[in-house]
Amino acid sequence: MNTKNIEDKAERKTAKRAARKAAPAKAKRAAGVARGSMKKKIRHQAQGQRKR
C-alpha cells in the first residue's frame, strides 16, 4: 500500500492496518523448504569478518 501522500501519522497507521487486514493471508511455507533457502550463500568465511 502506498501511503506516501498521507501526512498525518495516525491516519497513515490506520490506513496501513486496514490494508493489512484486508489483504489475503500469505501461503504457508512448503514442508521441504528451508527458512534461509533464499539467502546468499558464502563459500569461505575469513576469520573475524562479517558474513554479508
Protein backbone atom coordinates (compact mmCIF):
# COMPACT_ATOMS: atom_id res chain seq x y z
CA MET A 1 0.00 0.00 0.00
CA ASN A 2 1.32 3.43 -0.92
CA THR A 3 0.86 5.87 1.97
CA LYS A 4 3.42 8.38 0.78
CA ASN A 5 0.97 11.24 0.36
CA ILE A 6 -0.82 10.80 3.72
CA GLU A 7 0.73 13.41 6.01
CA ASP A 8 -0.92 12.56 9.35
CA LYS A 9 0.91 9.73 11.14
CA ALA A 10 -2.17 8.34 12.91
CA GLU A 11 -4.21 8.39 9.71
CA ARG A 12 -1.41 6.63 7.82
CA LYS A 13 -1.23 3.99 10.55
CA THR A 14 -4.96 3.26 10.41
CA ALA A 15 -4.83 3.05 6.60
CA LYS A 16 -1.94 0.59 6.73
CA ARG A 17 -3.61 -1.57 9.37
CA ALA A 18 -6.84 -1.68 7.38
CA ALA A 19 -4.95 -2.66 4.23
CA ARG A 20 -3.05 -5.36 6.10
CA LYS A 21 -6.29 -6.76 7.49
CA ALA A 22 -7.98 -6.72 4.07
CA ALA A 23 -5.04 -8.42 2.31
CA PRO A 24 -5.33 -12.17 1.69
CA ALA A 25 -3.39 -14.42 4.04
CA LYS A 26 0.09 -15.42 2.94
CA ALA A 27 0.57 -19.06 1.99
CA LYS A 28 2.44 -21.26 4.45
CA ARG A 29 5.97 -22.25 3.55
CA ALA A 30 6.21 -25.66 1.87
CA ALA A 31 7.28 -28.52 4.13
CA GLY A 32 10.66 -29.21 2.50
CA VAL A 33 11.82 -25.61 2.05
CA ALA A 34 14.49 -24.34 4.42
CA ARG A 35 13.91 -20.97 6.06
CA GLY A 36 17.16 -19.48 4.75
CA SER A 37 16.98 -21.03 1.29
CA MET A 38 16.83 -17.62 -0.42
CA LYS A 39 19.80 -16.18 1.48
CA LYS A 40 23.02 -15.51 -0.34
CA LYS A 41 25.47 -18.32 0.39
CA ILE A 42 29.15 -17.82 1.11
CA ARG A 43 31.84 -20.33 0.14
CA HIS A 44 34.53 -19.48 2.68
CA GLN A 45 34.46 -17.00 5.53
CA ALA A 46 37.66 -15.31 6.65
CA GLN A 47 38.24 -15.28 10.38
CA GLY A 48 36.92 -12.12 12.04
CA GLN A 49 35.00 -10.85 9.00
CA ARG A 50 31.29 -10.22 8.59
CA LYS A 51 29.43 -12.82 6.56
CA ARG A 52 27.36 -10.46 4.45
